[in-house]
Each structure stands twice: as structure tokens, then as C-alpha cells.
Amino acid sequence: MDAFLARSTDLQKYPEWLMKQPNKQAEREIHIYLVTRTPQSVSIMRSHEDWLAHIADVGTFDTLAYFLAQNNVIDEKALATLR
């Protein structure tokens, strides 16, 4: 919901200063999922779990997390929280 509201242009409903608060930044979490199918219409999806699945293999998950960190997609602090 935060990501959706952050794209809002209505600063009365979701002011920019709120997203820049340090405690708001601390709420952010990184999740790595496996895409099981391409969603055809977001309106018929109940949640992200309709088309994403957790990566069960620990080695695969660690490899993807390391790759994302090495390519500056996530930082070392985020990588540490995934372990």
C-alpha cells in the first residue's frame, strides 16, 4: 500500500515527508519470489501469491540475493536481512 500511495500526486492524502521519515524507511522489506505465471489482469488477482511463489531451495535463493547485491539492486544491509 505504501508503494501505491507514494506514487500518488495528491499530497494531502499521502505527503512526501512521510515517505522520507527514517522510521518509514526502516519498514521496507525485500522479498525475492519465483514468478509462476504472468498475471493477465491485476484486477482479477487476489494477491501477489496468485502469481508468485517462495523460492524453496536455499542455494537458489542465496545465489539470487547475492546476484542482486553485486549488481546494486539491493544493498549490503538489505542482503544481511535476507539471511
C-alpha atoms as a PDB file:
ATOM      1  CA  MET A   1       0.000   0.000   0.000  1.00  0.00           C
ATOM      2  CA  ASP A   2       2.861   2.379   0.777  1.00  0.00           C
ATOM      3  CA  ALA A   3       4.301   1.957  -2.711  1.00  0.00           C
ATOM      4  CA  PHE A   4       0.911   2.689  -4.246  1.00  0.00           C
ATOM      5  CA  LEU A   5       0.363   5.773  -2.103  1.00  0.00           C
ATOM      6  CA  ALA A   6       3.913   7.014  -2.679  1.00  0.00           C
ATOM      7  CA  ARG A   7       3.101   7.313  -6.396  1.00  0.00           C
ATOM      8  CA  SER A   8       0.103   9.452  -5.554  1.00  0.00           C
ATOM      9  CA  THR A   9       0.154  13.042  -6.725  1.00  0.00           C
ATOM     10  CA  ASP A  10      -2.303  14.067  -4.027  1.00  0.00           C
ATOM     11  CA  LEU A  11      -0.010  15.379  -1.298  1.00  0.00           C
ATOM     12  CA  GLN A  12      -2.961  15.801   1.079  1.00  0.00           C
ATOM     13  CA  LYS A  13      -3.641  12.069   1.116  1.00  0.00           C
ATOM     14  CA  TYR A  14      -0.006  10.977   1.237  1.00  0.00           C
ATOM     15  CA  PRO A  15       2.567  13.687   1.917  1.00  0.00           C
ATOM     16  CA  GLU A  16       6.092  13.234   0.613  1.00  0.00           C
ATOM     17  CA  TRP A  17       7.666  13.934   4.013  1.00  0.00           C
ATOM     18  CA  LEU A  18       6.071  10.776   5.378  1.00  0.00           C
ATOM     19  CA  MET A  19       7.965   8.504   2.989  1.00  0.00           C
ATOM     20  CA  LYS A  20      11.229  10.267   3.808  1.00  0.00           C
ATOM     21  CA  GLN A  21      10.964   9.620   7.546  1.00  0.00           C
ATOM     22  CA  PRO A  22      13.728   7.292   8.808  1.00  0.00           C
ATOM     23  CA  ASN A  23      11.258   5.008  10.595  1.00  0.00           C
ATOM     24  CA  LYS A  24       9.233   4.654   7.365  1.00  0.00           C
ATOM     25  CA  GLN A  25      12.399   3.603   5.533  1.00  0.00           C
ATOM     26  CA  ALA A  26      13.062   1.012   8.250  1.00  0.00           C
ATOM     27  CA  GLU A  27       9.672  -0.600   7.499  1.00  0.00           C
ATOM     28  CA  ARG A  28      10.759  -1.534   3.995  1.00  0.00           C
ATOM     29  CA  GLU A  29      11.367  -5.215   3.377  1.00  0.00           C
ATOM     30  CA  ILE A  30      12.819  -7.042   0.419  1.00  0.00           C
ATOM     31  CA  HIS A  31      11.259 -10.256  -0.831  1.00  0.00           C
ATOM     32  CA  ILE A  32      12.550 -12.454  -3.634  1.00  0.00           C
ATOM     33  CA  TYR A  33       9.928 -14.608  -5.334  1.00  0.00           C
ATOM     34  CA  LEU A  34       9.691 -17.011  -8.232  1.00  0.00           C
ATOM     35  CA  VAL A  35       7.248 -15.946 -10.949  1.00  0.00           C
ATOM     36  CA  THR A  36       4.936 -18.899 -11.556  1.00  0.00           C
ATOM     37  CA  ARG A  37       2.820 -17.266 -14.252  1.00  0.00           C
ATOM     38  CA  THR A  38       2.338 -13.873 -15.838  1.00  0.00           C
ATOM     39  CA  PRO A  39      -0.704 -12.075 -14.477  1.00  0.00           C
ATOM     40  CA  GLN A  40      -3.111 -11.275 -17.279  1.00  0.00           C
ATOM     41  CA  SER A  41      -5.169  -8.806 -15.332  1.00  0.00           C
ATOM     42  CA  VAL A  42      -4.302  -7.306 -11.984  1.00  0.00           C
ATOM     43  CA  SER A  43      -7.977  -6.714 -11.276  1.00  0.00           C
ATOM     44  CA  ILE A  44      -8.697 -10.464 -11.014  1.00  0.00           C
ATOM     45  CA  MET A  45      -5.734 -11.197  -8.738  1.00  0.00           C
ATOM     46  CA  ARG A  46      -6.467 -11.584  -5.042  1.00  0.00           C
ATOM     47  CA  SER A  47      -2.833 -11.037  -4.048  1.00  0.00           C
ATOM     48  CA  HIS A  48       0.726 -11.395  -5.244  1.00  0.00           C
ATOM     49  CA  GLU A  49       0.597 -15.038  -4.179  1.00  0.00           C
ATOM     50  CA  ASP A  50      -1.664 -15.755  -7.168  1.00  0.00           C
ATOM     51  CA  TRP A  51       1.334 -15.471  -9.469  1.00  0.00           C
ATOM     52  CA  LEU A  52       4.437 -15.502  -7.234  1.00  0.00           C
ATOM     53  CA  ALA A  53       5.867 -18.340  -5.122  1.00  0.00           C
ATOM     54  CA  HIS A  54       8.544 -18.502  -2.452  1.00  0.00           C
ATOM     55  CA  ILE A  55      11.862 -19.971  -3.549  1.00  0.00           C
ATOM     56  CA  ALA A  56      12.165 -23.183  -1.548  1.00  0.00           C
ATOM     57  CA  ASP A  57      15.744 -24.085  -2.480  1.00  0.00           C
ATOM     58  CA  VAL A  58      18.095 -22.229  -0.108  1.00  0.00           C
ATOM     59  CA  GLY A  59      21.003 -22.332  -2.561  1.00  0.00           C
ATOM     60  CA  THR A  60      18.952 -20.763  -5.338  1.00  0.00           C
ATOM     61  CA  PHE A  61      17.635 -18.071  -3.015  1.00  0.00           C
ATOM     62  CA  ASP A  62      21.134 -17.221  -1.743  1.00  0.00           C
ATOM     63  CA  THR A  63      22.500 -17.087  -5.289  1.00  0.00           C
ATOM     64  CA  LEU A  64      19.772 -14.684  -6.406  1.00  0.00           C
ATOM     65  CA  ALA A  65      20.220 -12.487  -3.331  1.00  0.00           C
ATOM     66  CA  TYR A  66      23.993 -12.346  -3.891  1.00  0.00           C
ATOM     67  CA  PHE A  67      23.489 -11.514  -7.587  1.00  0.00           C
ATOM     68  CA  LEU A  68      21.120  -8.662  -6.699  1.00  0.00           C
ATOM     69  CA  ALA A  69      23.613  -7.282  -4.177  1.00  0.00           C
ATOM     70  CA  GLN A  70      26.527  -7.488  -6.615  1.00  0.00           C
ATOM     71  CA  ASN A  71      24.525  -5.582  -9.238  1.00  0.00           C
ATOM     72  CA  ASN A  72      23.464  -2.844  -6.786  1.00  0.00           C
ATOM     73  CA  VAL A  73      19.795  -3.793  -6.879  1.00  0.00           C
ATOM     74  CA  ILE A  74      19.869  -4.263  -3.112  1.00  0.00           C
ATOM     75  CA  ASP A  75      22.488  -3.005  -0.664  1.00  0.00           C
ATOM     76  CA  GLU A  76      24.544  -4.986   1.844  1.00  0.00           C
ATOM     77  CA  LYS A  77      22.209  -4.038   4.698  1.00  0.00           C
ATOM     78  CA  ALA A  78      19.230  -5.484   2.800  1.00  0.00           C
ATOM     79  CA  LEU A  79      21.258  -8.576   1.907  1.00  0.00           C
ATOM     80  CA  ALA A  80      22.044  -9.150   5.580  1.00  0.00           C
ATOM     81  CA  THR A  81      18.354  -9.062   6.484  1.00  0.00           C
ATOM     82  CA  LEU A  82      17.590 -11.766   3.930  1.00  0.00           C
ATOM     83  CA  ARG A  83      19.972 -14.251   5.527  1.00  0.00           C
END
